N, C-alpha and C. Protein backbone atom coordinates (compact mmCIF):
# COMPACT_ATOMS: atom_id res chain seq x y z
N MET A 1 102.63 135.85 121.25
CA MET A 1 103.99 136.25 120.59
C MET A 1 104.69 137.14 121.81
N ASP A 2 103.84 138.12 122.59
CA ASP A 2 104.98 138.50 123.70
C ASP A 2 105.77 137.45 124.26
N GLY A 3 105.55 136.54 124.63
CA GLY A 3 106.12 135.52 125.99
C GLY A 3 107.13 135.17 124.76
N LEU A 4 107.05 135.28 123.51
CA LEU A 4 108.44 134.88 122.70
C LEU A 4 109.52 136.04 122.43
N LEU A 5 108.93 137.30 122.43
CA LEU A 5 109.56 138.76 121.52
C LEU A 5 110.11 138.81 123.61
N SER A 6 109.55 138.45 124.50
CA SER A 6 110.27 139.00 125.87
C SER A 6 111.68 137.80 126.11
N LEU A 7 111.67 136.89 125.40
CA LEU A 7 112.77 136.32 125.31
C LEU A 7 113.84 136.63 124.63
N LEU A 8 113.97 137.48 123.75
CA LEU A 8 115.06 138.23 122.87
C LEU A 8 115.64 139.07 123.77
N PRO A 9 117.34 139.46 123.52
CA PRO A 9 118.16 140.41 124.31
C PRO A 9 117.57 141.60 123.89
N THR A 10 117.76 142.43 124.67
CA THR A 10 117.40 143.84 124.75
C THR A 10 118.41 144.97 124.30
N ASP A 11 119.89 144.78 124.92
CA ASP A 11 120.91 145.02 124.62
C ASP A 11 121.45 145.23 123.09
N ALA A 12 122.64 145.91 123.13
CA ALA A 12 122.91 145.77 121.94
C ALA A 12 123.68 144.93 121.14
N VAL A 13 124.36 144.47 122.01
CA VAL A 13 125.74 143.56 122.01
C VAL A 13 124.89 142.01 122.58
N ALA A 14 124.23 141.99 123.54
CA ALA A 14 123.08 140.78 123.26
C ALA A 14 122.80 140.27 122.13
N ALA A 15 121.96 141.82 121.36
CA ALA A 15 120.89 140.74 120.24
C ALA A 15 121.72 140.66 119.28
N ALA A 16 123.60 141.65 119.08
CA ALA A 16 124.21 141.22 117.88
C ALA A 16 124.65 140.10 118.49
N THR A 17 124.77 139.46 119.16
CA THR A 17 125.62 138.29 119.39
C THR A 17 124.24 136.93 119.01
N PHE A 18 123.03 137.27 119.78
CA PHE A 18 122.16 136.67 118.85
C PHE A 18 121.77 136.40 117.63
N VAL A 19 121.38 137.78 116.58
CA VAL A 19 121.13 137.37 115.62
C VAL A 19 122.36 136.63 114.67
N TRP A 20 124.13 137.18 115.14
CA TRP A 20 125.01 136.04 114.65
C TRP A 20 124.94 134.24 114.98
N THR A 21 124.72 134.51 116.15
CA THR A 21 124.70 132.88 116.44
C THR A 21 123.40 132.31 115.82
N ALA A 22 121.86 133.37 115.67
CA ALA A 22 120.70 132.38 115.06
C ALA A 22 121.50 132.25 113.20
N ALA A 23 122.14 133.39 112.95
CA ALA A 23 122.48 132.72 111.25
C ALA A 23 123.18 132.13 111.15
N LEU A 24 124.39 132.01 111.92
CA LEU A 24 125.20 130.44 112.30
C LEU A 24 124.62 129.03 112.41
N VAL A 25 123.42 129.15 112.99
CA VAL A 25 122.75 127.99 113.39
C VAL A 25 121.83 127.57 111.66
N ILE A 26 120.66 128.93 111.88
CA ILE A 26 120.15 128.91 110.20
C ILE A 26 121.28 128.15 109.04
N GLY A 27 122.27 129.09 109.30
CA GLY A 27 123.37 128.34 107.97
C GLY A 27 123.54 126.62 107.60
N LEU A 28 124.49 126.76 109.14
CA LEU A 28 124.32 125.23 109.65
C LEU A 28 123.61 124.16 109.03
N VAL A 29 121.86 124.49 109.60
CA VAL A 29 120.78 123.64 109.35
C VAL A 29 120.64 123.08 107.49
N VAL A 30 121.06 124.42 106.90
CA VAL A 30 120.52 124.39 105.54
C VAL A 30 121.88 124.13 104.82
N SER A 31 122.98 124.08 105.46
CA SER A 31 124.35 123.17 104.66
C SER A 31 124.35 121.75 104.79
N LEU A 32 123.73 121.54 106.28
CA LEU A 32 123.20 120.13 106.42
C LEU A 32 122.42 119.46 105.24
N VAL A 33 121.60 120.21 105.42
CA VAL A 33 120.03 119.34 104.16
C VAL A 33 120.37 119.70 102.81
N VAL A 34 121.51 120.70 102.48
CA VAL A 34 122.11 120.50 101.25
C VAL A 34 123.16 119.41 101.13
N ALA A 35 123.74 119.15 101.61
CA ALA A 35 125.04 117.95 101.71
C ALA A 35 124.33 116.83 101.75
N LEU A 36 122.93 116.56 102.69
CA LEU A 36 121.67 115.64 102.28
C LEU A 36 121.32 115.49 101.28
N LEU A 37 120.69 116.39 100.76
CA LEU A 37 120.26 116.37 99.34
C LEU A 37 121.56 115.61 98.47
N LEU A 38 123.05 116.83 98.44
CA LEU A 38 124.08 116.02 97.45
C LEU A 38 124.68 114.84 97.39
N TRP A 39 124.15 114.34 98.76
CA TRP A 39 124.67 112.96 98.86
C TRP A 39 123.12 111.88 98.10
N LEU A 40 122.16 112.04 98.78
CA LEU A 40 121.31 111.54 97.86
C LEU A 40 121.05 111.81 95.99
N ILE A 41 121.45 112.75 95.89
CA ILE A 41 121.74 112.79 94.39
C ILE A 41 122.87 111.71 94.14
N HIS A 42 123.78 111.82 94.52
CA HIS A 42 125.13 110.94 94.50
C HIS A 42 125.12 109.59 94.24
N ARG A 43 124.29 109.20 95.21
CA ARG A 43 123.69 107.80 95.30
C ARG A 43 122.99 107.25 94.47
N GLN A 44 122.14 108.42 94.11
CA GLN A 44 121.01 107.60 92.77
C GLN A 44 121.94 107.44 91.37
N ALA A 45 122.75 108.87 91.40
CA ALA A 45 123.85 108.85 90.14
C ALA A 45 124.36 107.68 89.68
N VAL A 46 124.83 106.54 90.90
CA VAL A 46 125.70 105.85 91.33
C VAL A 46 124.82 104.80 90.34
N ILE A 47 123.99 104.76 91.07
CA ILE A 47 122.27 103.18 90.81
C ILE A 47 122.50 103.78 89.71
N ILE A 48 122.33 104.75 89.02
CA ILE A 48 121.68 104.76 87.47
C ILE A 48 123.39 104.44 86.31
N ASN A 49 124.12 105.05 86.79
CA ASN A 49 125.47 104.64 86.48
C ASN A 49 125.45 102.69 86.22
N GLY A 50 125.39 102.13 87.53
CA GLY A 50 125.19 100.82 86.58
C GLY A 50 124.69 100.47 86.29
N VAL A 51 123.13 100.87 86.66
CA VAL A 51 122.25 100.26 85.36
C VAL A 51 122.77 99.97 83.95
N ALA A 52 123.18 102.02 84.02
CA ALA A 52 123.73 102.23 82.75
C ALA A 52 124.35 101.20 81.71
N SER A 53 125.70 101.12 82.95
CA SER A 53 126.99 99.84 82.65
C SER A 53 126.66 98.66 81.99
N LYS A 54 124.93 97.97 82.97
CA LYS A 54 124.06 96.91 82.48
C LYS A 54 123.55 96.73 81.10
N ILE A 55 123.35 97.44 80.72
CA ILE A 55 122.91 98.05 79.60
C ILE A 55 123.43 98.21 78.32
N TRP A 56 125.01 98.92 78.93
CA TRP A 56 125.58 99.18 77.63
C TRP A 56 126.31 97.70 77.48
N ASP A 57 126.69 97.15 78.39
CA ASP A 57 127.40 95.89 77.83
C ASP A 57 126.57 94.98 77.47
N THR A 58 125.30 94.73 77.86
CA THR A 58 124.35 93.94 76.96
C THR A 58 124.14 94.07 75.67
N GLY A 59 123.78 95.14 75.44
CA GLY A 59 124.00 95.82 73.90
C GLY A 59 124.96 95.80 73.17
N GLN A 60 126.36 95.56 73.77
CA GLN A 60 127.38 95.13 73.10
C GLN A 60 126.99 93.54 72.93
N MET A 61 126.88 92.43 73.75
CA MET A 61 126.79 91.41 73.39
C MET A 61 125.70 91.26 72.52
N VAL A 62 124.59 91.48 72.09
CA VAL A 62 123.35 91.81 71.40
C VAL A 62 124.68 92.17 69.91
N ALA A 63 124.77 93.11 70.19
CA ALA A 63 125.49 93.86 68.75
C ALA A 63 126.62 92.70 68.16
N ASN A 64 127.08 91.88 69.16
CA ASN A 64 128.17 90.99 68.51
C ASN A 64 127.49 89.64 68.53
N ASN A 65 126.99 89.76 68.93
CA ASN A 65 125.74 87.92 68.34
C ASN A 65 125.20 88.51 66.55
N THR A 66 124.63 89.79 66.63
CA THR A 66 124.30 89.81 65.48
C THR A 66 125.37 90.01 64.63
N ILE A 67 126.33 90.39 64.41
CA ILE A 67 127.54 90.10 63.37
C ILE A 67 127.40 88.72 62.68
N HIS A 68 126.91 87.98 63.47
CA HIS A 68 127.80 86.53 63.29
C HIS A 68 125.77 85.94 62.83
N ILE A 69 124.99 86.76 62.03
CA ILE A 69 124.07 85.74 61.40
C ILE A 69 124.40 86.02 59.81
N PRO A 70 124.88 86.66 59.15
CA PRO A 70 125.39 86.73 58.31
C PRO A 70 126.07 85.78 57.89
N ILE A 71 126.88 85.36 58.56
CA ILE A 71 127.93 84.00 58.85
C ILE A 71 127.24 82.67 58.69
N LEU A 72 126.32 83.23 59.65
CA LEU A 72 125.42 81.74 59.75
C LEU A 72 124.86 81.58 58.79
N TYR A 73 123.75 82.60 57.45
CA TYR A 73 123.11 82.25 56.43
C TYR A 73 123.93 81.11 55.48
N ARG A 74 125.25 82.16 55.16
CA ARG A 74 126.51 81.31 54.57
C ARG A 74 126.46 79.91 54.63
N ILE A 75 127.00 80.20 56.19
CA ILE A 75 127.62 78.15 56.46
C ILE A 75 126.14 77.13 55.96
N ASN A 76 124.59 78.09 56.27
CA ASN A 76 123.72 77.10 56.35
C ASN A 76 123.75 76.86 54.94
N GLU A 77 124.16 77.70 53.57
CA GLU A 77 123.84 77.33 51.93
C GLU A 77 124.93 76.46 51.91
N ASP A 78 126.14 76.65 52.47
CA ASP A 78 126.93 75.36 52.34
C ASP A 78 126.74 74.02 52.88
N VAL A 79 125.91 74.10 53.99
CA VAL A 79 125.99 72.80 54.64
C VAL A 79 124.40 72.32 53.29
N ASP A 80 124.26 73.16 52.84
CA ASP A 80 122.76 72.70 51.97
C ASP A 80 123.48 71.87 50.38
N GLN A 81 124.70 72.62 50.48
CA GLN A 81 124.80 72.56 49.01
C GLN A 81 126.11 70.77 49.48
N ILE A 82 126.91 70.62 50.44
CA ILE A 82 127.26 69.39 51.08
C ILE A 82 125.87 68.23 51.18
N LEU A 83 124.90 68.50 51.70
CA LEU A 83 123.98 67.34 51.30
C LEU A 83 123.58 67.03 50.42
N ILE A 84 123.69 67.87 49.47
CA ILE A 84 122.91 67.84 47.87
C ILE A 84 124.40 66.17 47.44
N THR A 85 125.46 66.92 47.60
CA THR A 85 126.58 66.11 47.27
C THR A 85 126.56 65.03 47.86
N ALA A 86 126.44 65.10 49.60
CA ALA A 86 126.31 63.91 50.25
C ALA A 86 125.55 62.68 49.15
N LEU A 87 124.06 62.84 48.83
CA LEU A 87 123.31 62.67 48.63
C LEU A 87 123.28 62.07 47.07
N SER A 88 124.11 63.08 46.14
CA SER A 88 124.50 62.34 45.38
C SER A 88 125.25 61.13 44.98
N ILE A 89 126.31 61.09 46.07
CA ILE A 89 127.72 60.33 46.02
C ILE A 89 126.82 58.97 46.69
N ASN A 90 125.12 59.36 47.48
CA ASN A 90 125.24 58.16 48.17
C ASN A 90 124.55 57.48 46.61
N ASP A 91 123.62 58.21 45.93
CA ASP A 91 122.96 57.60 45.12
C ASP A 91 124.20 56.64 44.30
N GLY A 92 125.28 57.15 43.74
CA GLY A 92 126.02 56.27 42.89
C GLY A 92 126.44 55.27 43.44
N ALA A 93 126.71 55.25 44.40
CA ALA A 93 127.53 54.10 45.47
C ALA A 93 126.28 53.09 45.34
N ALA A 94 125.14 53.44 45.34
CA ALA A 94 124.18 52.69 45.91
C ALA A 94 123.71 51.45 44.15
N ALA A 95 124.13 52.60 43.44
CA ALA A 95 124.34 52.09 41.58
C ALA A 95 125.20 51.57 41.54
N ILE A 96 126.03 51.49 42.43
CA ILE A 96 127.63 50.76 41.86
C ILE A 96 127.14 49.17 42.22
N LYS A 97 126.76 49.25 43.47
CA LYS A 97 126.50 48.24 44.51
C LYS A 97 125.30 47.55 43.82
N LYS A 98 124.30 47.85 43.14
CA LYS A 98 123.32 47.44 42.49
C LYS A 98 124.34 46.81 41.21
N HIS A 99 124.66 47.23 40.39
CA HIS A 99 125.23 46.80 39.33
C HIS A 99 126.45 45.77 39.58
N ALA A 100 126.92 45.84 40.53
CA ALA A 100 128.28 44.64 41.17
C ALA A 100 127.50 43.55 41.81
N GLU A 101 126.15 43.77 42.36
CA GLU A 101 125.71 42.50 42.53
C GLU A 101 125.07 41.38 41.70
N GLY A 102 124.82 42.57 40.40
CA GLY A 102 123.83 41.57 39.62
C GLY A 102 124.86 41.07 38.43
N CYS A 103 126.38 41.67 38.43
CA CYS A 103 127.09 41.81 37.34
C CYS A 103 128.42 40.62 37.21
N ASP A 104 128.74 39.80 36.05
CA ASP A 104 129.36 38.69 36.44
C ASP A 104 130.27 38.97 35.67
N GLY A 105 130.47 40.05 34.82
CA GLY A 105 131.87 40.53 34.15
C GLY A 105 131.49 41.26 32.90
N CYS A 106 130.66 41.73 32.93
CA CYS A 106 130.11 42.67 31.45
C CYS A 106 131.48 43.11 30.81
N PRO A 107 130.88 42.99 29.69
CA PRO A 107 132.09 44.01 28.62
C PRO A 107 132.41 45.39 29.75
N THR A 108 131.54 45.73 29.82
CA THR A 108 132.07 47.10 30.21
C THR A 108 132.08 47.09 31.42
N CYS A 109 132.62 46.37 31.92
CA CYS A 109 133.20 46.27 33.42
C CYS A 109 134.38 45.84 33.39
N LEU A 110 134.81 45.18 32.22
CA LEU A 110 135.94 44.46 32.14
C LEU A 110 136.98 45.64 31.20
N LEU A 111 136.26 46.39 30.54
CA LEU A 111 137.33 47.50 30.09
C LEU A 111 137.74 48.14 31.51
């Protein structure tokens, strides 16, 4: 330890200059470390913001799709009704065809 102390200046002006220089160097190092840490925090915040934006966009698309589900149920009910009507028309057409194939002009048909 005596070796390090012997390197320190002994007169007042040199000691003051050494203390100020050491303080400035330590301040510069601390400032650089703080700047590095702030830059790392900013970089992570940008990454988090990008991921959150993707989550938000996906959530909006899901919400937009779920709005249409009740409409699809109503369309499904309408399609079921159309199918019932179409089958009824098909049955009626089949009955007319069957009657027409065996009818030579019955009184009901002539009226």
